Amino acid sequence: MDRTDERYGAYVSILEEELIAAMGCTEPIAIALAAARARELLGVEPARVQVAASGSIIKNAKSVVVPHTGGLKNIEAAAAAGIVAGEAARGLEVIADVSPADVEKVVAYLEGTPIAVERADSGLDFDIVVQVFAGDGAEGAARPRA
């Protein structure tokens, strides 16, 4: 199809309207976004985290590098990055501005905080729920919304 074709312009217009910019692989970014939002809802740094995700999300997020984290990989790292350094208001660019100092905090958080990952039983192909818990038993939960 030629760029002067009317259909080409229509396709480009649809893509511009529907696509959302994401920083890196979308699965760990979506986990980071949900974690950042859950932390905001909780109001404090979580003492414990539980991530439930569909099998396809787990498969795609378990071994990819989480952007801006110095090479950290897996679901736990994505959740920790969102909690420690994420800005939920930035949508799928939630961890675009993680600094080297933030990476050190993410690593420390990973080492000191239980983060459990389980397969979601929602029956959805693409599902992520991040629950966060304060030391006093308070909790917050979020799904990514970009």
Protein backbone atom coordinates (compact mmCIF):
# COMPACT_ATOMS: atom_id res chain seq x y z
CA MET A 1 0.00 0.00 0.00
CA ASP A 2 1.30 3.42 -0.97
CA ARG A 3 1.49 6.22 1.60
CA THR A 4 -0.71 8.36 -0.63
CA ASP A 5 -3.47 5.73 -0.48
CA GLU A 6 -6.49 6.96 1.48
CA ARG A 7 -6.58 3.68 3.44
CA TYR A 8 -3.00 4.22 4.61
CA GLY A 9 -3.98 7.52 6.21
CA ALA A 10 -6.99 5.89 7.86
CA TYR A 11 -4.83 3.08 9.29
CA VAL A 12 -2.28 5.54 10.66
CA SER A 13 -5.05 7.61 12.21
CA ILE A 14 -6.49 4.55 13.99
CA LEU A 15 -3.06 3.55 15.29
CA GLU A 16 -2.36 7.04 16.59
CA GLU A 17 -5.69 7.04 18.41
CA GLU A 18 -5.47 3.54 19.89
CA LEU A 19 -1.81 2.94 20.74
CA ILE A 20 -0.36 3.91 24.10
CA ALA A 21 3.36 4.48 24.58
CA ALA A 22 4.99 1.97 26.92
CA MET A 23 8.48 1.92 28.38
CA GLY A 24 9.86 -1.51 27.47
CA CYS A 25 8.02 -4.83 27.49
CA THR A 26 4.39 -4.14 28.38
CA GLU A 27 3.86 -6.97 30.87
CA PRO A 28 6.42 -5.88 33.51
CA ILE A 29 5.44 -2.26 32.92
CA ALA A 30 1.78 -3.09 33.55
CA ILE A 31 2.80 -4.86 36.77
CA ALA A 32 4.85 -1.82 37.82
CA LEU A 33 1.88 0.44 37.06
CA ALA A 34 -0.52 -1.63 39.14
CA ALA A 35 2.01 -1.78 41.99
CA ALA A 36 2.59 1.98 41.90
CA ARG A 37 -1.15 2.63 42.00
CA ALA A 38 -1.70 0.11 44.82
CA ARG A 39 1.03 1.81 46.87
CA GLU A 40 -0.65 5.18 46.29
CA LEU A 41 -3.95 3.75 47.50
CA LEU A 42 -2.31 2.20 50.57
CA GLY A 43 -0.56 5.47 51.43
CA VAL A 44 2.60 3.86 52.85
CA GLU A 45 5.37 1.61 51.58
CA PRO A 46 3.91 -1.91 51.67
CA ALA A 47 5.28 -4.46 54.13
CA ARG A 48 4.05 -7.31 51.91
CA VAL A 49 3.00 -7.61 48.26
CA GLN A 50 0.94 -10.19 46.39
CA VAL A 51 0.82 -10.25 42.60
CA ALA A 52 -1.80 -12.38 40.84
CA ALA A 53 -1.41 -12.57 37.08
CA SER A 54 -2.72 -14.67 34.24
CA GLY A 55 -0.46 -17.33 32.78
CA SER A 56 0.33 -15.30 29.67
CA ILE A 57 1.43 -12.32 31.77
CA ILE A 58 3.60 -14.52 33.98
CA LYS A 59 5.18 -16.21 30.95
CA ASN A 60 6.05 -12.88 29.35
CA ALA A 61 7.18 -11.02 32.49
CA LYS A 62 9.12 -13.62 34.44
CA SER A 63 12.42 -13.33 32.61
CA VAL A 64 12.56 -9.96 30.86
CA VAL A 65 14.57 -6.99 32.07
CA VAL A 66 12.53 -4.31 33.81
CA PRO A 67 13.53 -0.99 32.17
CA HIS A 68 15.61 1.50 34.17
CA THR A 69 16.39 -1.02 36.93
CA GLY A 70 20.01 -1.83 36.13
CA GLY A 71 19.13 -5.19 34.62
CA LEU A 72 16.71 -6.52 37.25
CA LYS A 73 14.42 -9.20 35.88
CA ASN A 74 11.12 -10.82 36.85
CA ILE A 75 7.69 -10.02 38.21
CA GLU A 76 8.93 -9.24 41.71
CA ALA A 77 11.38 -6.65 40.37
CA ALA A 78 8.66 -5.03 38.27
CA ALA A 79 6.36 -4.75 41.29
CA ALA A 80 9.17 -3.42 43.50
CA ALA A 81 10.17 -0.82 40.91
CA GLY A 82 6.58 0.41 40.71
CA ILE A 83 6.22 0.56 44.48
CA VAL A 84 9.54 2.22 45.24
CA ALA A 85 10.04 4.55 42.28
CA GLY A 86 6.91 4.46 40.14
CA GLU A 87 4.67 7.35 39.20
CA ALA A 88 1.26 5.86 38.43
CA ALA A 89 0.04 9.06 36.80
CA ARG A 90 2.53 8.44 33.97
CA GLY A 91 0.64 5.35 32.83
CA LEU A 92 2.76 2.83 30.95
CA GLU A 93 5.77 5.12 31.41
CA VAL A 94 5.44 4.61 35.17
CA ILE A 95 9.16 3.89 35.74
CA ALA A 96 10.66 6.02 32.99
CA ASP A 97 12.49 8.27 35.47
CA VAL A 98 14.01 5.71 37.84
CA SER A 99 17.42 6.97 38.97
CA PRO A 100 20.47 4.90 39.99
CA ALA A 101 19.68 5.81 43.62
CA ASP A 102 16.14 4.52 43.09
CA VAL A 103 17.55 1.23 41.75
CA GLU A 104 19.46 0.77 45.01
CA LYS A 105 16.21 1.32 46.92
CA VAL A 106 14.41 -1.17 44.67
CA VAL A 107 17.09 -3.80 45.35
CA ALA A 108 16.89 -3.17 49.10
CA TYR A 109 13.09 -3.41 48.96
CA LEU A 110 13.31 -6.72 47.07
CA GLU A 111 15.71 -8.09 49.67
CA GLY A 112 13.59 -7.05 52.64
CA THR A 113 9.98 -7.40 51.53
CA PRO A 114 8.00 -10.56 50.78
CA ILE A 115 6.57 -10.40 47.26
CA ALA A 116 4.43 -13.41 46.35
CA VAL A 117 3.47 -14.21 42.76
CA GLU A 118 0.62 -16.51 41.89
CA ARG A 119 -1.41 -17.40 38.86
CA ALA A 120 -4.73 -15.55 38.74
CA ASP A 121 -7.78 -17.76 38.51
CA SER A 122 -9.93 -15.14 36.79
CA GLY A 123 -10.06 -17.02 33.50
CA LEU A 124 -8.84 -13.93 31.65
CA ASP A 125 -5.95 -14.17 29.18
CA PHE A 126 -4.46 -10.89 30.37
CA ASP A 127 -5.04 -10.12 34.03
CA ILE A 128 -2.94 -8.49 36.74
CA VAL A 129 -3.95 -7.69 40.31
CA VAL A 130 -1.43 -6.29 42.78
CA GLN A 131 -2.38 -6.32 46.45
CA VAL A 132 -0.24 -4.46 48.97
CA PHE A 133 -0.37 -4.73 52.73
CA ALA A 134 0.81 -2.36 55.44
CA GLY A 135 2.37 -3.62 58.65
CA ASP A 136 -0.88 -2.83 60.50
CA GLY A 137 -2.98 -5.06 58.26
CA ALA A 138 -4.33 -2.31 55.99
CA GLU A 139 -4.40 -3.22 52.33
CA GLY A 140 -4.76 -1.74 48.88
CA ALA A 141 -5.14 -3.34 45.47
CA ALA A 142 -4.97 -2.19 41.87
CA ARG A 143 -5.17 -3.35 38.29
CA PRO A 144 -3.19 -1.45 35.65
CA ARG A 145 -5.14 1.19 33.75
CA ALA A 146 -3.25 3.18 31.18
